[in-house]
N, C-alpha and C. Protein backbone atom coordinates (compact mmCIF):
# COMPACT_ATOMS: atom_id res chain seq x y z
N MET A 1 -18.99 12.20 38.46
CA MET A 1 -17.62 11.63 37.73
C MET A 1 -16.35 11.81 37.98
N GLU A 2 -15.78 10.81 38.12
CA GLU A 2 -14.29 10.74 38.40
C GLU A 2 -13.24 11.56 37.49
N THR A 3 -12.24 12.10 37.78
CA THR A 3 -11.43 12.74 36.56
C THR A 3 -10.37 11.61 36.47
N PRO A 4 -9.83 11.99 35.36
CA PRO A 4 -8.40 10.74 35.32
C PRO A 4 -7.61 11.14 35.52
N PRO A 5 -6.65 9.96 36.13
CA PRO A 5 -5.70 10.33 36.42
C PRO A 5 -4.79 11.35 36.00
N THR A 6 -3.64 12.32 35.72
CA THR A 6 -2.89 13.26 35.03
C THR A 6 -1.50 12.84 36.06
N ILE A 7 -1.05 13.21 34.78
CA ILE A 7 0.86 13.32 35.12
C ILE A 7 1.27 14.54 34.13
N PHE A 8 2.10 15.59 35.20
CA PHE A 8 2.61 16.91 34.28
C PHE A 8 1.31 17.75 33.84
N GLY A 9 -0.05 17.28 34.36
CA GLY A 9 -1.52 18.05 33.34
C GLY A 9 -1.74 17.14 32.14
N LEU A 10 -0.93 16.19 32.48
CA LEU A 10 -1.55 15.04 31.04
C LEU A 10 -2.55 13.94 31.16
N THR A 11 -3.34 13.61 30.27
CA THR A 11 -3.92 12.47 30.95
C THR A 11 -2.59 11.40 30.46
N VAL A 12 -2.79 10.39 31.11
CA VAL A 12 -1.99 9.08 30.84
C VAL A 12 -1.87 8.67 29.45
N ALA A 13 -2.63 8.65 28.52
CA ALA A 13 -2.73 8.17 27.25
C ALA A 13 -1.74 9.31 26.52
N GLU A 14 -1.80 10.57 27.01
CA GLU A 14 -1.06 11.66 26.06
C GLU A 14 0.21 11.73 26.72
N PHE A 15 0.60 11.41 27.80
CA PHE A 15 1.69 11.27 28.51
C PHE A 15 2.55 10.10 27.77
N GLU A 16 1.82 8.94 27.54
CA GLU A 16 2.55 7.99 27.08
C GLU A 16 2.91 8.13 25.54
N ALA A 17 2.10 8.92 24.40
CA ALA A 17 2.06 9.11 23.21
C ALA A 17 3.38 10.04 23.24
N ILE A 18 3.58 11.18 24.06
CA ILE A 18 4.46 11.88 24.04
C ILE A 18 5.77 11.24 24.58
N SER A 19 6.17 10.81 25.73
CA SER A 19 6.95 9.78 26.06
C SER A 19 7.73 8.72 24.79
N LEU A 20 7.12 8.19 24.60
CA LEU A 20 7.07 7.14 23.50
C LEU A 20 7.62 7.75 22.12
N LYS A 21 7.20 8.91 21.91
CA LYS A 21 7.88 9.53 20.41
C LYS A 21 9.42 10.17 20.92
N VAL A 22 9.32 10.39 22.57
CA VAL A 22 10.40 11.13 22.87
C VAL A 22 11.29 10.54 23.03
N LEU A 23 11.30 9.36 24.10
CA LEU A 23 12.33 8.78 24.04
C LEU A 23 12.79 7.26 23.05
N LEU A 24 11.84 7.07 22.24
CA LEU A 24 12.28 6.11 20.68
C LEU A 24 13.24 7.10 20.26
N THR A 25 12.62 8.41 19.74
CA THR A 25 13.77 9.38 18.48
C THR A 25 14.80 9.24 19.48
N ALA A 26 15.22 9.99 21.22
CA ALA A 26 16.84 9.19 21.59
C ALA A 26 17.40 7.84 21.80
N LEU A 27 16.31 7.04 21.75
CA LEU A 27 17.21 5.69 21.14
C LEU A 27 17.74 5.66 19.91
N ILE A 28 16.79 5.80 18.95
CA ILE A 28 17.48 6.18 17.84
C ILE A 28 18.38 6.81 17.22
N LEU A 29 18.47 8.16 17.76
CA LEU A 29 20.04 8.62 17.67
C LEU A 29 20.93 8.35 18.68
N TYR A 30 20.70 7.80 19.78
CA TYR A 30 22.19 6.84 20.31
C TYR A 30 22.83 5.67 19.81
N MET A 31 21.57 4.91 19.30
CA MET A 31 21.49 3.56 18.50
C MET A 31 22.85 4.30 17.14
N LEU A 32 22.33 5.73 16.64
CA LEU A 32 23.39 6.02 15.62
C LEU A 32 24.39 6.72 15.79
N PHE A 33 24.78 7.20 17.51
CA PHE A 33 25.95 7.19 17.80
C PHE A 33 26.68 5.95 18.30
N ILE A 34 26.18 4.82 18.41
CA ILE A 34 26.46 3.51 18.62
C ILE A 34 27.51 3.04 17.65
N ILE A 35 26.36 3.21 16.13
CA ILE A 35 27.06 2.78 15.16
C ILE A 35 28.36 3.74 14.32
N GLY A 36 28.19 4.90 14.65
CA GLY A 36 29.23 5.55 14.14
C GLY A 36 30.55 5.53 14.55
N ASN A 37 30.61 5.19 16.26
CA ASN A 37 31.75 4.92 17.17
C ASN A 37 32.04 3.43 16.84
N LEU A 38 31.37 2.48 16.32
CA LEU A 38 31.78 1.40 15.98
C LEU A 38 32.74 1.36 14.88
N ALA A 39 32.03 2.34 13.76
CA ALA A 39 32.69 2.17 12.53
C ALA A 39 34.36 3.16 12.72
N TRP A 40 33.98 3.92 13.58
CA TRP A 40 35.38 4.95 13.89
C TRP A 40 36.59 3.75 14.51
N LYS A 41 36.15 3.13 15.35
CA LYS A 41 36.71 2.18 16.28
C LYS A 41 37.69 1.15 15.68
N SER A 42 36.87 0.16 14.38
CA SER A 42 37.09 -0.99 13.64
C SER A 42 37.83 0.03 12.40
N LYS A 43 38.15 1.08 12.04
CA LYS A 43 38.61 1.78 11.09
C LYS A 43 38.03 1.32 9.59
N ALA A 44 36.59 1.23 9.69
CA ALA A 44 36.28 0.76 8.46
C ALA A 44 36.22 1.46 7.40
N GLY A 45 36.55 2.80 7.37
CA GLY A 45 36.89 3.23 5.84
C GLY A 45 35.18 4.00 5.48
N LYS A 46 35.35 4.81 4.57
CA LYS A 46 34.12 5.23 4.15
C LYS A 46 33.04 4.38 3.76
N TYR A 47 33.55 3.27 2.63
CA TYR A 47 32.56 2.53 2.39
C TYR A 47 32.26 1.24 3.57
N GLY A 48 33.14 0.80 4.23
CA GLY A 48 32.82 -0.02 4.95
C GLY A 48 31.44 1.00 6.24
N THR A 49 31.46 1.65 6.68
CA THR A 49 30.77 2.96 7.34
C THR A 49 29.51 2.83 6.95
N VAL A 50 29.25 3.16 5.45
CA VAL A 50 28.09 3.76 4.91
C VAL A 50 27.62 2.23 5.12
N TRP A 51 27.91 1.15 4.88
CA TRP A 51 27.33 -0.26 5.33
C TRP A 51 27.46 -0.93 6.29
N LEU A 52 27.70 -0.46 7.47
CA LEU A 52 27.52 -0.72 9.03
C LEU A 52 26.58 0.57 9.13
N PHE A 53 25.88 1.60 8.31
CA PHE A 53 25.16 2.24 8.55
C PHE A 53 23.62 1.59 8.30
N VAL A 54 23.56 1.01 7.00
CA VAL A 54 22.58 0.61 6.07
C VAL A 54 22.09 -0.85 6.77
N ALA A 55 23.35 -1.61 7.08
CA ALA A 55 22.84 -3.06 7.27
C ALA A 55 22.28 -2.48 9.06
N LEU A 56 22.80 -1.73 10.21
CA LEU A 56 22.46 -2.01 11.17
C LEU A 56 21.23 -0.77 11.63
N GLY A 57 21.57 -0.07 10.39
CA GLY A 57 20.36 1.23 10.37
C GLY A 57 18.88 1.22 9.87
N VAL A 58 18.55 -0.31 9.05
CA VAL A 58 17.46 -0.71 8.51
C VAL A 58 16.40 -1.46 9.80
N GLY A 59 17.30 -2.05 10.81
CA GLY A 59 16.57 -2.57 12.38
C GLY A 59 15.65 -1.18 12.74
N PHE A 60 16.01 -0.14 12.41
CA PHE A 60 14.97 1.04 13.06
C PHE A 60 14.35 1.91 12.29
N LEU A 61 14.59 1.52 10.86
CA LEU A 61 14.49 2.58 9.52
C LEU A 61 12.62 2.04 9.62
N GLY A 62 12.37 0.69 10.13
CA GLY A 62 10.81 0.74 10.29
C GLY A 62 9.97 1.70 11.06
N PHE A 63 10.48 1.28 12.21
CA PHE A 63 9.89 2.45 13.39
C PHE A 63 9.52 3.80 12.54
N VAL A 64 10.19 4.59 12.05
CA VAL A 64 10.34 6.11 11.79
C VAL A 64 9.59 5.58 10.08
N ALA A 65 9.80 4.77 9.42
CA ALA A 65 8.98 4.33 8.26
C ALA A 65 7.12 4.00 8.54
N LYS A 66 6.45 3.47 9.63
CA LYS A 66 5.49 3.12 9.80
C LYS A 66 4.69 4.68 10.31
N PRO A 67 4.52 5.69 10.76
CA PRO A 67 3.92 6.69 10.92
C PRO A 67 3.92 7.27 9.59
N LEU A 68 4.66 7.18 9.05
CA LEU A 68 5.02 8.13 7.52
C LEU A 68 4.01 7.17 6.74
N ILE A 69 4.14 6.01 6.79
CA ILE A 69 3.12 5.38 5.72
C ILE A 69 1.69 5.41 6.16
N GLN A 70 1.75 5.17 7.82
CA GLN A 70 0.09 5.69 8.25
C GLN A 70 -0.62 7.06 8.00
N ARG A 71 0.47 7.87 7.71
CA ARG A 71 -0.45 9.10 7.57
C ARG A 71 -0.52 9.38 6.30
N PHE A 72 0.37 8.68 5.37
CA PHE A 72 0.16 8.79 4.00
C PHE A 72 -0.72 7.55 3.06
N LEU A 73 -1.49 6.43 4.09
CA LEU A 73 -2.28 6.24 3.81
C LEU A 73 -3.93 6.04 4.59
N GLY A 74 -3.36 7.28 5.16
CA GLY A 74 -4.60 7.55 6.28
C GLY A 74 -5.33 7.26 7.25
N ILE A 75 -4.65 6.17 8.08
CA ILE A 75 -4.71 5.39 8.70
C ILE A 75 -4.40 5.19 10.39
N GLU A 76 -4.61 6.61 10.73
CA GLU A 76 -4.26 6.94 11.94
C GLU A 76 -5.61 6.32 12.83
């Protein structure tokens, strides 16, 4: 029987799952930085900054909510 290919001692599926979580988290943090920088450079004020984070942050909120909803409903 042939052994499955490994990357850094992990199977390809395990490596992809870990990479997706780590890199997607990094991307979301980078997007938060971009939104904060946009608010700071545009001098949006407190109210405008909150709305920038709400309006632009809703897009990736689904990526964060999906695993939580799946775990709550037991659909993993």
